[in-house]
Amino acid sequence: MTLFAKEKAERLARLTRREKEVFELLVEGYTLKESADKLKLKYSTVNTHVTNLYRKLGVRSRAELIILYRSEKI
């Protein structure tokens, strides 16, 4: 495992269960609204989870998230 892969794995391990669910949907291509509908949550709640997971994973956009983490499975 490379240092970068180890760092990614450690960052993913910091996510809460719900953040992991949102993460999976985002990398599959779901929008925030679609994710909220699928998880039966309010849009604002999903948006909060996205903000938190971006911070924990060290990314600033969905594009960066997908580029860095699309091959990761939680």
N, C-alpha and C. Protein backbone atom coordinates (compact mmCIF):
# COMPACT_ATOMS: atom_id res chain seq x y z
N MET A 1 0.85 -1.18 0.00
CA MET A 1 0.00 0.00 0.00
C MET A 1 0.89 1.24 0.00
N THR A 2 0.65 2.13 -0.93
CA THR A 2 1.45 3.35 -1.01
C THR A 2 1.06 4.29 0.12
N LEU A 3 1.92 5.26 0.37
CA LEU A 3 1.64 6.24 1.41
C LEU A 3 0.33 6.97 1.12
N PHE A 4 0.13 7.34 -0.16
CA PHE A 4 -1.10 8.04 -0.52
C PHE A 4 -2.31 7.15 -0.29
N ALA A 5 -2.21 5.88 -0.64
CA ALA A 5 -3.32 4.95 -0.44
C ALA A 5 -3.60 4.77 1.05
N LYS A 6 -2.56 4.71 1.85
CA LYS A 6 -2.73 4.57 3.30
C LYS A 6 -3.41 5.81 3.87
N GLU A 7 -2.98 6.98 3.40
CA GLU A 7 -3.58 8.23 3.87
C GLU A 7 -5.06 8.30 3.48
N LYS A 8 -5.39 7.89 2.25
CA LYS A 8 -6.79 7.88 1.81
C LYS A 8 -7.61 6.93 2.68
N ALA A 9 -7.08 5.76 2.96
CA ALA A 9 -7.79 4.79 3.78
C ALA A 9 -8.03 5.33 5.19
N GLU A 10 -7.04 6.01 5.74
CA GLU A 10 -7.19 6.59 7.07
C GLU A 10 -8.25 7.69 7.07
N ARG A 11 -8.27 8.50 6.02
CA ARG A 11 -9.28 9.56 5.93
C ARG A 11 -10.67 8.98 5.79
N LEU A 12 -10.82 7.94 4.98
CA LEU A 12 -12.13 7.31 4.81
C LEU A 12 -12.63 6.70 6.11
N ALA A 13 -11.72 6.18 6.91
CA ALA A 13 -12.09 5.56 8.18
C ALA A 13 -12.65 6.58 9.17
N ARG A 14 -12.36 7.86 8.98
CA ARG A 14 -12.85 8.91 9.88
C ARG A 14 -14.31 9.30 9.61
N LEU A 15 -14.85 8.87 8.48
CA LEU A 15 -16.22 9.25 8.14
C LEU A 15 -17.23 8.51 9.02
N THR A 16 -18.32 9.20 9.33
CA THR A 16 -19.41 8.55 10.06
C THR A 16 -20.13 7.60 9.11
N ARG A 17 -20.99 6.78 9.65
CA ARG A 17 -21.76 5.85 8.83
C ARG A 17 -22.57 6.60 7.77
N ARG A 18 -23.22 7.67 8.16
CA ARG A 18 -24.04 8.42 7.22
C ARG A 18 -23.18 9.12 6.18
N GLU A 19 -22.05 9.67 6.59
CA GLU A 19 -21.14 10.30 5.63
C GLU A 19 -20.65 9.28 4.61
N LYS A 20 -20.42 8.06 5.04
CA LYS A 20 -20.00 7.00 4.12
C LYS A 20 -21.10 6.69 3.12
N GLU A 21 -22.34 6.68 3.58
CA GLU A 21 -23.46 6.44 2.67
C GLU A 21 -23.56 7.55 1.62
N VAL A 22 -23.42 8.79 2.06
CA VAL A 22 -23.46 9.93 1.14
C VAL A 22 -22.27 9.86 0.18
N PHE A 23 -21.10 9.53 0.70
CA PHE A 23 -19.90 9.39 -0.12
C PHE A 23 -20.13 8.40 -1.26
N GLU A 24 -20.66 7.24 -0.93
CA GLU A 24 -20.91 6.20 -1.93
C GLU A 24 -21.84 6.72 -3.03
N LEU A 25 -22.89 7.42 -2.64
CA LEU A 25 -23.83 7.94 -3.62
C LEU A 25 -23.18 9.01 -4.51
N LEU A 26 -22.37 9.87 -3.91
CA LEU A 26 -21.71 10.92 -4.69
C LEU A 26 -20.77 10.33 -5.73
N VAL A 27 -19.97 9.35 -5.33
CA VAL A 27 -19.03 8.78 -6.30
C VAL A 27 -19.74 7.94 -7.36
N GLU A 28 -20.98 7.52 -7.07
CA GLU A 28 -21.79 6.82 -8.07
C GLU A 28 -22.47 7.79 -9.02
N GLY A 29 -22.40 9.09 -8.70
CA GLY A 29 -22.96 10.09 -9.60
C GLY A 29 -24.29 10.69 -9.19
N TYR A 30 -24.79 10.35 -8.02
CA TYR A 30 -26.04 10.93 -7.55
C TYR A 30 -25.86 12.40 -7.22
N THR A 31 -26.89 13.20 -7.45
CA THR A 31 -26.88 14.60 -7.03
C THR A 31 -27.22 14.65 -5.54
N LEU A 32 -27.07 15.83 -4.95
CA LEU A 32 -27.43 15.97 -3.54
C LEU A 32 -28.92 15.70 -3.34
N LYS A 33 -29.75 16.21 -4.23
CA LYS A 33 -31.19 15.98 -4.12
C LYS A 33 -31.53 14.50 -4.25
N GLU A 34 -30.93 13.84 -5.23
CA GLU A 34 -31.16 12.40 -5.40
C GLU A 34 -30.69 11.62 -4.18
N SER A 35 -29.54 12.03 -3.64
CA SER A 35 -29.01 11.37 -2.44
C SER A 35 -29.96 11.55 -1.27
N ALA A 36 -30.47 12.77 -1.10
CA ALA A 36 -31.41 13.05 -0.02
C ALA A 36 -32.66 12.19 -0.17
N ASP A 37 -33.19 12.12 -1.38
CA ASP A 37 -34.37 11.30 -1.63
C ASP A 37 -34.11 9.83 -1.33
N LYS A 38 -32.99 9.33 -1.79
CA LYS A 38 -32.65 7.91 -1.61
C LYS A 38 -32.47 7.56 -0.13
N LEU A 39 -31.85 8.49 0.63
CA LEU A 39 -31.60 8.25 2.05
C LEU A 39 -32.75 8.70 2.94
N LYS A 40 -33.79 9.29 2.31
CA LYS A 40 -34.95 9.81 3.04
C LYS A 40 -34.53 10.87 4.07
N LEU A 41 -33.69 11.79 3.60
CA LEU A 41 -33.21 12.90 4.43
C LEU A 41 -33.54 14.22 3.74
N LYS A 42 -33.46 15.29 4.49
CA LYS A 42 -33.63 16.62 3.90
C LYS A 42 -32.37 16.96 3.12
N TYR A 43 -32.55 17.77 2.08
CA TYR A 43 -31.43 18.23 1.27
C TYR A 43 -30.37 18.90 2.15
N SER A 44 -30.81 19.74 3.08
CA SER A 44 -29.86 20.48 3.92
C SER A 44 -29.03 19.53 4.79
N THR A 45 -29.63 18.43 5.21
CA THR A 45 -28.90 17.44 6.01
C THR A 45 -27.82 16.78 5.17
N VAL A 46 -28.16 16.40 3.95
CA VAL A 46 -27.18 15.79 3.06
C VAL A 46 -26.07 16.79 2.75
N ASN A 47 -26.45 18.05 2.53
CA ASN A 47 -25.46 19.08 2.26
C ASN A 47 -24.47 19.22 3.43
N THR A 48 -24.97 19.13 4.65
CA THR A 48 -24.10 19.18 5.83
C THR A 48 -23.15 17.99 5.84
N HIS A 49 -23.66 16.80 5.54
CA HIS A 49 -22.79 15.61 5.48
C HIS A 49 -21.71 15.78 4.41
N VAL A 50 -22.08 16.34 3.27
CA VAL A 50 -21.12 16.55 2.19
C VAL A 50 -20.03 17.53 2.64
N THR A 51 -20.43 18.62 3.27
CA THR A 51 -19.46 19.60 3.78
C THR A 51 -18.49 18.93 4.74
N ASN A 52 -19.02 18.10 5.65
CA ASN A 52 -18.16 17.42 6.62
C ASN A 52 -17.24 16.41 5.95
N LEU A 53 -17.76 15.65 5.00
CA LEU A 53 -16.89 14.65 4.37
C LEU A 53 -15.84 15.30 3.47
N TYR A 54 -16.16 16.41 2.81
CA TYR A 54 -15.15 17.13 2.04
C TYR A 54 -14.00 17.56 2.97
N ARG A 55 -14.37 18.09 4.13
CA ARG A 55 -13.35 18.55 5.09
C ARG A 55 -12.50 17.37 5.56
N LYS A 56 -13.14 16.27 5.94
CA LYS A 56 -12.42 15.10 6.45
C LYS A 56 -11.53 14.46 5.39
N LEU A 57 -11.96 14.51 4.12
CA LEU A 57 -11.20 13.88 3.05
C LEU A 57 -10.21 14.84 2.39
N GLY A 58 -10.29 16.12 2.75
CA GLY A 58 -9.34 17.09 2.22
C GLY A 58 -9.59 17.45 0.76
N VAL A 59 -10.87 17.49 0.36
CA VAL A 59 -11.22 17.86 -1.02
C VAL A 59 -12.08 19.12 -0.99
N ARG A 60 -12.14 19.81 -2.13
CA ARG A 60 -12.90 21.05 -2.21
C ARG A 60 -14.06 21.01 -3.18
N SER A 61 -14.20 19.90 -3.92
CA SER A 61 -15.27 19.82 -4.90
C SER A 61 -15.63 18.36 -5.15
N ARG A 62 -16.79 18.16 -5.77
CA ARG A 62 -17.21 16.80 -6.12
C ARG A 62 -16.26 16.22 -7.16
N ALA A 63 -15.80 17.04 -8.09
CA ALA A 63 -14.87 16.56 -9.10
C ALA A 63 -13.59 16.03 -8.46
N GLU A 64 -13.06 16.76 -7.50
CA GLU A 64 -11.85 16.32 -6.81
C GLU A 64 -12.13 15.04 -6.02
N LEU A 65 -13.28 14.97 -5.40
CA LEU A 65 -13.67 13.77 -4.66
C LEU A 65 -13.69 12.55 -5.57
N ILE A 66 -14.32 12.70 -6.72
CA ILE A 66 -14.45 11.58 -7.65
C ILE A 66 -13.09 11.17 -8.22
N ILE A 67 -12.27 12.15 -8.58
CA ILE A 67 -10.95 11.84 -9.13
C ILE A 67 -10.10 11.08 -8.12
N LEU A 68 -10.11 11.53 -6.86
CA LEU A 68 -9.24 10.92 -5.86
C LEU A 68 -9.80 9.63 -5.24
N TYR A 69 -11.13 9.51 -5.18
CA TYR A 69 -11.71 8.42 -4.40
C TYR A 69 -12.62 7.48 -5.18
N ARG A 70 -12.78 7.65 -6.49
CA ARG A 70 -13.76 6.84 -7.22
C ARG A 70 -13.47 5.34 -7.15
N SER A 71 -12.23 4.96 -6.97
CA SER A 71 -11.90 3.52 -6.92
C SER A 71 -11.97 2.95 -5.51
N GLU A 72 -12.28 3.79 -4.54
CA GLU A 72 -12.31 3.33 -3.15
C GLU A 72 -13.70 2.80 -2.81
N LYS A 73 -13.72 1.72 -2.09
CA LYS A 73 -14.97 1.17 -1.57
C LYS A 73 -14.88 1.18 -0.06
N ILE A 74 -15.97 1.57 0.55
CA ILE A 74 -16.00 1.64 2.01
C ILE A 74 -16.67 0.39 2.54
